[in-house]
Amino acid sequence: MEHNTCFGCGPANDHGLKMKFFGNDEMIYSDITVPDYLLGWNGVVHGGILSTMLDEVMGWSAIYLLKKFILTKNMTVNYYRPVFVGETLHIEGRIKEKINEKEVSMTGRIYNSKNELCVTSTGIFALFDIDKIKKMGIMKEKDLDDFEKAMNFGR
């Protein structure tokens, strides 16, 4: 949606990451170069920004692969190597385990331009159908309908 202002994936957020996602039946990924205004200290990407990237890729992986709406319940992040501003990163999300009809466990990974593993995450995501999301009132009904059609969600 062109008017989406989400910090992670929204094209209409001038200060956001504007992540774009690609994938297949097993995973979703995004390649992104972090702009310098999102640094922590000394050229290192702020850990909160890296967490946001992982939350986004895990969430979009669950949405795309399971054809459900999601909300993050919890996530754990592990940092192994510093990630630098200006470096192109490869971020992947995968299903770890479908816990039940209402929850899924996801994994995320961030690799630097040398293909070194820098950050990992796991998270539990709540799964929702469109009717539940409508009742929650967190998206406009027209946006939900457009999103459902674009993602080929079955009812």
Protein backbone atom coordinates (compact mmCIF):
# COMPACT_ATOMS: atom_id res chain seq x y z
CA MET A 1 0.00 0.00 0.00
CA GLU A 2 1.59 3.23 -1.17
CA HIS A 3 0.28 5.21 1.82
CA ASN A 4 1.78 2.73 4.34
CA THR A 5 3.85 4.67 6.91
CA CYS A 6 5.21 1.66 8.81
CA PHE A 7 8.74 2.41 10.03
CA GLY A 8 10.03 -0.96 8.81
CA CYS A 9 8.29 -1.50 5.47
CA GLY A 10 6.29 1.61 4.66
CA PRO A 11 7.13 3.35 1.39
CA ALA A 12 5.46 6.54 2.66
CA ASN A 13 7.73 6.94 5.71
CA ASP A 14 10.62 9.24 4.77
CA HIS A 15 12.52 8.27 7.93
CA GLY A 16 11.82 4.52 7.77
CA LEU A 17 13.75 1.54 6.50
CA LYS A 18 11.49 0.96 3.45
CA MET A 19 12.25 -2.76 3.51
CA LYS A 20 11.11 -4.75 0.47
CA PHE A 21 10.58 -8.47 0.70
CA PHE A 22 11.18 -11.37 -1.67
CA GLY A 23 11.06 -15.10 -1.16
CA ASN A 24 9.78 -18.55 -1.92
CA ASP A 25 7.81 -21.30 -0.17
CA GLU A 26 10.40 -21.62 2.62
CA MET A 27 11.57 -18.12 3.51
CA ILE A 28 11.29 -14.39 2.97
CA TYR A 29 14.29 -12.09 2.67
CA SER A 30 15.18 -8.43 2.35
CA ASP A 31 18.41 -6.79 1.26
CA ILE A 32 18.94 -3.33 2.70
CA THR A 33 21.66 -0.75 3.19
CA VAL A 34 21.15 1.08 6.47
CA PRO A 35 21.36 4.88 6.15
CA ASP A 36 23.75 6.76 8.42
CA TYR A 37 21.00 8.55 10.35
CA LEU A 38 20.18 5.21 12.04
CA LEU A 39 23.57 4.60 13.59
CA GLY A 40 24.23 3.83 17.21
CA TRP A 41 27.83 4.91 17.82
CA ASN A 42 31.01 4.93 15.76
CA GLY A 43 29.33 3.79 12.53
CA VAL A 44 27.61 0.78 14.10
CA VAL A 45 23.90 0.25 13.34
CA HIS A 46 21.80 0.72 16.47
CA GLY A 47 20.68 -2.62 17.97
CA GLY A 48 17.07 -1.47 18.06
CA ILE A 49 17.14 -0.93 14.31
CA LEU A 50 18.51 -4.45 13.80
CA SER A 51 15.73 -5.80 16.05
CA THR A 52 13.17 -3.92 13.98
CA MET A 53 14.53 -5.48 10.77
CA LEU A 54 14.25 -8.95 12.29
CA ASP A 55 10.73 -8.30 13.59
CA GLU A 56 9.70 -7.16 10.10
CA VAL A 57 11.20 -10.11 8.22
CA MET A 58 9.83 -12.66 10.68
CA GLY A 59 6.40 -11.02 10.61
CA TRP A 60 6.25 -10.81 6.82
CA SER A 61 7.46 -14.41 6.58
CA ALA A 62 4.56 -15.54 8.76
CA ILE A 63 2.08 -13.41 6.80
CA TYR A 64 3.25 -14.64 3.41
CA LEU A 65 3.91 -18.29 4.21
CA LEU A 66 0.83 -18.88 6.40
CA LYS A 67 -1.59 -16.42 4.74
CA LYS A 68 -2.59 -14.96 8.11
CA PHE A 69 -2.44 -11.58 9.76
CA ILE A 70 0.06 -11.44 12.64
CA LEU A 71 1.08 -9.52 15.72
CA THR A 72 4.41 -10.03 17.49
CA LYS A 73 4.01 -11.59 20.94
CA ASN A 74 7.70 -11.78 21.90
CA MET A 75 11.13 -12.02 20.38
CA THR A 76 14.70 -12.67 21.48
CA VAL A 77 17.68 -11.16 19.67
CA ASN A 78 21.30 -12.35 19.79
CA TYR A 79 24.10 -10.12 18.48
CA TYR A 80 27.30 -11.82 17.26
CA ARG A 81 29.10 -9.22 15.13
CA PRO A 82 28.81 -5.46 14.76
CA VAL A 83 26.82 -4.28 11.75
CA PHE A 84 27.95 -1.06 10.07
CA VAL A 85 25.99 1.76 8.49
CA GLY A 86 26.33 1.80 4.70
CA GLU A 87 26.86 -1.96 4.48
CA THR A 88 24.34 -4.02 2.48
CA LEU A 89 22.66 -6.55 4.74
CA HIS A 90 20.77 -9.72 3.89
CA ILE A 91 17.91 -10.45 6.31
CA GLU A 92 16.00 -13.76 6.29
CA GLY A 93 12.87 -15.00 8.03
CA ARG A 94 11.62 -18.59 8.31
CA ILE A 95 9.01 -20.60 10.13
CA LYS A 96 10.58 -22.54 12.96
CA GLU A 97 7.41 -24.29 14.14
CA LYS A 98 3.69 -23.80 13.83
CA ILE A 99 2.73 -24.13 17.48
CA ASN A 100 -1.04 -24.24 16.90
CA GLU A 101 -3.72 -22.42 14.90
CA LYS A 102 -3.12 -19.22 16.88
CA GLU A 103 0.68 -19.09 17.21
CA VAL A 104 3.81 -19.65 15.17
CA SER A 105 7.49 -19.63 16.15
CA MET A 106 9.72 -17.79 13.68
CA THR A 107 13.46 -17.33 13.17
CA GLY A 108 15.35 -14.42 11.67
CA ARG A 109 18.96 -13.87 10.62
CA ILE A 110 21.02 -10.90 9.49
CA TYR A 111 24.13 -11.41 7.36
CA ASN A 112 26.66 -8.72 6.44
CA SER A 113 28.09 -8.13 2.96
CA LYS A 114 30.74 -10.82 3.62
CA ASN A 115 27.92 -13.32 4.28
CA GLU A 116 28.91 -13.49 7.97
CA LEU A 117 26.11 -14.17 10.44
CA CYS A 118 25.75 -11.04 12.58
CA VAL A 119 22.40 -11.20 14.38
CA THR A 120 19.77 -13.90 15.00
CA SER A 121 16.32 -13.84 16.50
CA THR A 122 13.43 -16.08 17.41
CA GLY A 123 9.91 -14.91 18.03
CA ILE A 124 6.39 -16.01 18.74
CA PHE A 125 3.73 -14.43 16.54
CA ALA A 126 -0.01 -14.49 17.11
CA LEU A 127 -2.01 -15.50 14.02
CA PHE A 128 -5.31 -13.84 13.09
CA ASP A 129 -7.88 -14.09 10.35
CA ILE A 130 -9.28 -10.94 8.75
CA ASP A 131 -12.47 -10.90 10.82
CA LYS A 132 -10.50 -10.79 14.10
CA ILE A 133 -8.24 -8.00 12.81
CA LYS A 134 -11.35 -6.02 11.77
CA LYS A 135 -12.77 -6.40 15.29
CA MET A 136 -9.49 -5.18 16.79
CA GLY A 137 -9.70 -2.00 14.72
CA ILE A 138 -5.98 -1.76 13.95
CA MET A 139 -6.43 -1.39 10.18
CA LYS A 140 -9.00 0.36 8.05
CA GLU A 141 -11.46 -2.09 6.49
CA LYS A 142 -10.62 -1.05 2.92
CA ASP A 143 -6.88 -1.48 3.63
CA LEU A 144 -7.57 -4.93 5.08
CA ASP A 145 -9.59 -5.97 2.05
CA ASP A 146 -6.91 -4.66 -0.35
CA PHE A 147 -4.20 -6.39 1.66
CA GLU A 148 -6.11 -9.67 1.76
CA LYS A 149 -6.56 -9.62 -2.02
CA ALA A 150 -2.92 -8.68 -2.67
CA MET A 151 -1.65 -11.51 -0.45
CA ASN A 152 -4.14 -14.06 -1.86
CA PHE A 153 -5.53 -14.90 1.58
CA GLY A 154 -8.22 -17.55 1.47
CA ARG A 155 -11.34 -17.20 3.58
